Amino acid sequence: LNSEQEKLKADLKTKTQALDAKLNELQKLYAQLKKRIKIDIEQSQWKEFGIEDKK
């Protein structure tokens, strides 16, 4: 029972690391896209892309 629990903990840790890596990747992509939209699109249209920023 204890060894099974340890294996599950290890699996969870591995999956958590993979999830964190994917989230970081998505956050970087979101930041790049947001920056690109702010440069290329007029401020009045930002809301269409889900950007609530004022500047």
PDB file of N, CA and C in Angstrom:
ATOM      1  N   LEU A   1       0.831  -1.204   0.000  1.00  0.00           N
ATOM      2  CA  LEU A   1       0.000   0.000   0.000  1.00  0.00           C
ATOM      3  C   LEU A   1       0.870   1.262   0.000  1.00  0.00           C
ATOM      4  N   ASN A   2       1.902   1.278   0.822  1.00  0.00           N
ATOM      5  CA  ASN A   2       2.773   2.439   0.906  1.00  0.00           C
ATOM      6  C   ASN A   2       3.525   2.670  -0.405  1.00  0.00           C
ATOM      7  N   SER A   3       4.008   1.584  -1.007  1.00  0.00           N
ATOM      8  CA  SER A   3       4.740   1.731  -2.272  1.00  0.00           C
ATOM      9  C   SER A   3       3.812   2.229  -3.382  1.00  0.00           C
ATOM     10  N   GLU A   4       2.566   1.788  -3.353  1.00  0.00           N
ATOM     11  CA  GLU A   4       1.592   2.263  -4.344  1.00  0.00           C
ATOM     12  C   GLU A   4       1.344   3.767  -4.166  1.00  0.00           C
ATOM     13  N   GLN A   5       1.248   4.185  -2.910  1.00  0.00           N
ATOM     14  CA  GLN A   5       1.039   5.600  -2.618  1.00  0.00           C
ATOM     15  C   GLN A   5       2.239   6.429  -3.095  1.00  0.00           C
ATOM     16  N   GLU A   6       3.435   5.925  -2.874  1.00  0.00           N
ATOM     17  CA  GLU A   6       4.642   6.634  -3.310  1.00  0.00           C
ATOM     18  C   GLU A   6       4.691   6.740  -4.835  1.00  0.00           C
ATOM     19  N   LYS A   7       4.278   5.674  -5.514  1.00  0.00           N
ATOM     20  CA  LYS A   7       4.252   5.694  -6.975  1.00  0.00           C
ATOM     21  C   LYS A   7       3.257   6.742  -7.464  1.00  0.00           C
ATOM     22  N   LEU A   8       2.094   6.804  -6.832  1.00  0.00           N
ATOM     23  CA  LEU A   8       1.091   7.793  -7.213  1.00  0.00           C
ATOM     24  C   LEU A   8       1.596   9.219  -6.977  1.00  0.00           C
ATOM     25  N   LYS A   9       2.301   9.424  -5.882  1.00  0.00           N
ATOM     26  CA  LYS A   9       2.884  10.738  -5.599  1.00  0.00           C
ATOM     27  C   LYS A   9       3.880  11.126  -6.684  1.00  0.00           C
ATOM     28  N   ALA A  10       4.717  10.167  -7.078  1.00  0.00           N
ATOM     29  CA  ALA A  10       5.717  10.424  -8.114  1.00  0.00           C
ATOM     30  C   ALA A  10       5.039  10.747  -9.446  1.00  0.00           C
ATOM     31  N   ASP A  11       3.995   9.995  -9.777  1.00  0.00           N
ATOM     32  CA  ASP A  11       3.252  10.249 -11.013  1.00  0.00           C
ATOM     33  C   ASP A  11       2.618  11.640 -10.986  1.00  0.00           C
ATOM     34  N   LEU A  12       2.057  11.995  -9.847  1.00  0.00           N
ATOM     35  CA  LEU A  12       1.430  13.304  -9.702  1.00  0.00           C
ATOM     36  C   LEU A  12       2.464  14.419  -9.866  1.00  0.00           C
ATOM     37  N   LYS A  13       3.621  14.232  -9.280  1.00  0.00           N
ATOM     38  CA  LYS A  13       4.678  15.235  -9.386  1.00  0.00           C
ATOM     39  C   LYS A  13       5.099  15.414 -10.842  1.00  0.00           C
ATOM     40  N   THR A  14       5.239  14.310 -11.562  1.00  0.00           N
ATOM     41  CA  THR A  14       5.623  14.361 -12.971  1.00  0.00           C
ATOM     42  C   THR A  14       4.564  15.085 -13.797  1.00  0.00           C
ATOM     43  N   LYS A  15       3.306  14.753 -13.559  1.00  0.00           N
ATOM     44  CA  LYS A  15       2.221  15.390 -14.309  1.00  0.00           C
ATOM     45  C   LYS A  15       2.109  16.874 -13.961  1.00  0.00           C
ATOM     46  N   THR A  16       2.347  17.212 -12.712  1.00  0.00           N
ATOM     47  CA  THR A  16       2.299  18.609 -12.298  1.00  0.00           C
ATOM     48  C   THR A  16       3.401  19.406 -12.988  1.00  0.00           C
ATOM     49  N   GLN A  17       4.589  18.838 -13.092  1.00  0.00           N
ATOM     50  CA  GLN A  17       5.691  19.507 -13.783  1.00  0.00           C
ATOM     51  C   GLN A  17       5.360  19.715 -15.257  1.00  0.00           C
ATOM     52  N   ALA A  18       4.762  18.714 -15.882  1.00  0.00           N
ATOM     53  CA  ALA A  18       4.378  18.830 -17.291  1.00  0.00           C
ATOM     54  C   ALA A  18       3.316  19.917 -17.468  1.00  0.00           C
ATOM     55  N   LEU A  19       2.357  19.957 -16.559  1.00  0.00           N
ATOM     56  CA  LEU A  19       1.308  20.975 -16.610  1.00  0.00           C
ATOM     57  C   LEU A  19       1.895  22.372 -16.426  1.00  0.00           C
ATOM     58  N   ASP A  20       2.790  22.526 -15.472  1.00  0.00           N
ATOM     59  CA  ASP A  20       3.430  23.819 -15.236  1.00  0.00           C
ATOM     60  C   ASP A  20       4.200  24.283 -16.470  1.00  0.00           C
ATOM     61  N   ALA A  21       4.906  23.367 -17.116  1.00  0.00           N
ATOM     62  CA  ALA A  21       5.662  23.707 -18.321  1.00  0.00           C
ATOM     63  C   ALA A  21       4.719  24.170 -19.431  1.00  0.00           C
ATOM     64  N   LYS A  22       3.617  23.468 -19.607  1.00  0.00           N
ATOM     65  CA  LYS A  22       2.645  23.829 -20.644  1.00  0.00           C
ATOM     66  C   LYS A  22       2.010  25.177 -20.334  1.00  0.00           C
ATOM     67  N   LEU A  23       1.674  25.420 -19.065  1.00  0.00           N
ATOM     68  CA  LEU A  23       1.092  26.707 -18.678  1.00  0.00           C
ATOM     69  C   LEU A  23       2.064  27.855 -18.944  1.00  0.00           C
ATOM     70  N   ASN A  24       3.333  27.651 -18.631  1.00  0.00           N
ATOM     71  CA  ASN A  24       4.342  28.677 -18.896  1.00  0.00           C
ATOM     72  C   ASN A  24       4.443  28.965 -20.388  1.00  0.00           C
ATOM     73  N   GLU A  25       4.423  27.905 -21.186  1.00  0.00           N
ATOM     74  CA  GLU A  25       4.482  28.047 -22.643  1.00  0.00           C
ATOM     75  C   GLU A  25       3.276  28.849 -23.152  1.00  0.00           C
ATOM     76  N   LEU A  26       2.091  28.531 -22.642  1.00  0.00           N
ATOM     77  CA  LEU A  26       0.878  29.235 -23.065  1.00  0.00           C
ATOM     78  C   LEU A  26       0.878  30.695 -22.610  1.00  0.00           C
ATOM     79  N   GLN A  27       1.394  30.952 -21.413  1.00  0.00           N
ATOM     80  CA  GLN A  27       1.456  32.330 -20.922  1.00  0.00           C
ATOM     81  C   GLN A  27       2.393  33.176 -21.783  1.00  0.00           C
ATOM     82  N   LYS A  28       3.516  32.592 -22.205  1.00  0.00           N
ATOM     83  CA  LYS A  28       4.445  33.307 -23.079  1.00  0.00           C
ATOM     84  C   LYS A  28       3.796  33.589 -24.433  1.00  0.00           C
ATOM     85  N   LEU A  29       3.105  32.597 -24.974  1.00  0.00           N
ATOM     86  CA  LEU A  29       2.423  32.772 -26.253  1.00  0.00           C
ATOM     87  C   LEU A  29       1.344  33.846 -26.144  1.00  0.00           C
ATOM     88  N   TYR A  30       0.570  33.812 -25.064  1.00  0.00           N
ATOM     89  CA  TYR A  30      -0.474  34.814 -24.847  1.00  0.00           C
ATOM     90  C   TYR A  30       0.134  36.216 -24.782  1.00  0.00           C
ATOM     91  N   ALA A  31       1.236  36.359 -24.071  1.00  0.00           N
ATOM     92  CA  ALA A  31       1.884  37.665 -23.945  1.00  0.00           C
ATOM     93  C   ALA A  31       2.359  38.165 -25.311  1.00  0.00           C
ATOM     94  N   GLN A  32       2.920  37.270 -26.117  1.00  0.00           N
ATOM     95  CA  GLN A  32       3.388  37.653 -27.451  1.00  0.00           C
ATOM     96  C   GLN A  32       2.219  38.081 -28.340  1.00  0.00           C
ATOM     97  N   LEU A  33       1.140  37.304 -28.298  1.00  0.00           N
ATOM     98  CA  LEU A  33      -0.023  37.627 -29.124  1.00  0.00           C
ATOM     99  C   LEU A  33      -0.678  38.933 -28.686  1.00  0.00           C
ATOM    100  N   LYS A  34      -0.765  39.130 -27.384  1.00  0.00           N
ATOM    101  CA  LYS A  34      -1.356  40.355 -26.851  1.00  0.00           C
ATOM    102  C   LYS A  34      -0.541  41.572 -27.299  1.00  0.00           C
ATOM    103  N   LYS A  35       0.767  41.444 -27.232  1.00  0.00           N
ATOM    104  CA  LYS A  35       1.650  42.526 -27.650  1.00  0.00           C
ATOM    105  C   LYS A  35       1.463  42.819 -29.141  1.00  0.00           C
ATOM    106  N   ARG A  36       1.381  41.754 -29.932  1.00  0.00           N
ATOM    107  CA  ARG A  36       1.206  41.897 -31.382  1.00  0.00           C
ATOM    108  C   ARG A  36      -0.130  42.569 -31.707  1.00  0.00           C
ATOM    109  N   ILE A  37      -1.182  42.175 -31.014  1.00  0.00           N
ATOM    110  CA  ILE A  37      -2.505  42.768 -31.235  1.00  0.00           C
ATOM    111  C   ILE A  37      -2.474  44.254 -30.893  1.00  0.00           C
ATOM    112  N   LYS A  38      -1.823  44.597 -29.787  1.00  0.00           N
ATOM    113  CA  LYS A  38      -1.761  45.994 -29.371  1.00  0.00           C
ATOM    114  C   LYS A  38      -1.014  46.848 -30.395  1.00  0.00           C
ATOM    115  N   ILE A  39      -0.046  46.253 -31.071  1.00  0.00           N
ATOM    116  CA  ILE A  39       0.718  46.989 -32.083  1.00  0.00           C
ATOM    117  C   ILE A  39      -0.087  47.126 -33.378  1.00  0.00           C
ATOM    118  N   ASP A  40      -0.728  46.049 -33.792  1.00  0.00           N
ATOM    119  CA  ASP A  40      -1.357  45.994 -35.117  1.00  0.00           C
ATOM    120  C   ASP A  40      -2.813  46.449 -35.165  1.00  0.00           C
ATOM    121  N   ILE A  41      -3.520  46.386 -34.048  1.00  0.00           N
ATOM    122  CA  ILE A  41      -4.960  46.642 -34.035  1.00  0.00           C
ATOM    123  C   ILE A  41      -5.251  47.924 -33.249  1.00  0.00           C
ATOM    124  N   GLU A  42      -6.234  48.677 -33.714  1.00  0.00           N
ATOM    125  CA  GLU A  42      -6.620  49.893 -33.001  1.00  0.00           C
ATOM    126  C   GLU A  42      -7.157  49.552 -31.613  1.00  0.00           C
ATOM    127  N   GLN A  43      -6.907  50.455 -30.673  1.00  0.00           N
ATOM    128  CA  GLN A  43      -7.290  50.225 -29.279  1.00  0.00           C
ATOM    129  C   GLN A  43      -8.789  49.973 -29.131  1.00  0.00           C
ATOM    130  N   SER A  44      -9.594  50.590 -29.956  1.00  0.00           N
ATOM    131  CA  SER A  44     -11.047  50.419 -29.857  1.00  0.00           C
ATOM    132  C   SER A  44     -11.487  48.988 -30.168  1.00  0.00           C
ATOM    133  N   GLN A  45     -10.644  48.218 -30.828  1.00  0.00           N
ATOM    134  CA  GLN A  45     -10.992  46.848 -31.203  1.00  0.00           C
ATOM    135  C   GLN A  45     -10.366  45.796 -30.288  1.00  0.00           C
ATOM    136  N   TRP A  46      -9.582  46.209 -29.320  1.00  0.00           N
ATOM    137  CA  TRP A  46      -8.900  45.250 -28.441  1.00  0.00           C
ATOM    138  C   TRP A  46      -9.881  44.337 -27.723  1.00  0.00           C
ATOM    139  N   LYS A  47     -11.041  44.866 -27.344  1.00  0.00           N
ATOM    140  CA  LYS A  47     -12.017  44.059 -26.594  1.00  0.00           C
ATOM    141  C   LYS A  47     -12.464  42.837 -27.384  1.00  0.00           C
ATOM    142  N   GLU A  48     -12.470  42.937 -28.705  1.00  0.00           N
ATOM    143  CA  GLU A  48     -12.848  41.802 -29.549  1.00  0.00           C
ATOM    144  C   GLU A  48     -11.901  40.620 -29.342  1.00  0.00           C
ATOM    145  N   PHE A  49     -10.686  40.928 -28.894  1.00  0.00           N
ATOM    146  CA  PHE A  49      -9.677  39.903 -28.651  1.00  0.00           C
ATOM    147  C   PHE A  49      -9.539  39.576 -27.162  1.00  0.00           C
ATOM    148  N   GLY A  50     -10.439  40.132 -26.354  1.00  0.00           N
ATOM    149  CA  GLY A  50     -10.414  39.846 -24.926  1.00  0.00           C
ATOM    150  C   GLY A  50      -9.408  40.669 -24.149  1.00  0.00           C
ATOM    151  N   ILE A  51      -8.937  41.751 -24.740  1.00  0.00           N
ATOM    152  CA  ILE A  51      -7.949  42.602 -24.075  1.00  0.00           C
ATOM    153  C   ILE A  51      -8.675  43.800 -23.475  1.00  0.00           C
ATOM    154  N   GLU A  52      -8.632  43.912 -22.161  1.00  0.00           N
ATOM    155  CA  GLU A  52      -9.333  44.978 -21.445  1.00  0.00           C
ATOM    156  C   GLU A  52      -8.405  46.137 -21.085  1.00  0.00           C
ATOM    157  N   ASP A  53      -7.145  46.059 -21.491  1.00  0.00           N
ATOM    158  CA  ASP A  53      -6.162  47.080 -21.132  1.00  0.00           C
ATOM    159  C   ASP A  53      -6.562  48.447 -21.681  1.00  0.00           C
ATOM    160  N   LYS A  54      -6.099  49.490 -21.005  1.00  0.00           N
ATOM    161  CA  LYS A  54      -6.358  50.855 -21.452  1.00  0.00           C
ATOM    162  C   LYS A  54      -5.255  51.343 -22.389  1.00  0.00           C
ATOM    163  N   LYS A  55      -4.048  50.834 -22.206  1.00  0.00           N
ATOM    164  CA  LYS A  55      -2.907  51.243 -23.041  1.00  0.00           C
ATOM    165  C   LYS A  55      -2.178  50.039 -23.567  1.00  0.00           C
TER     166      LYS A  55
END
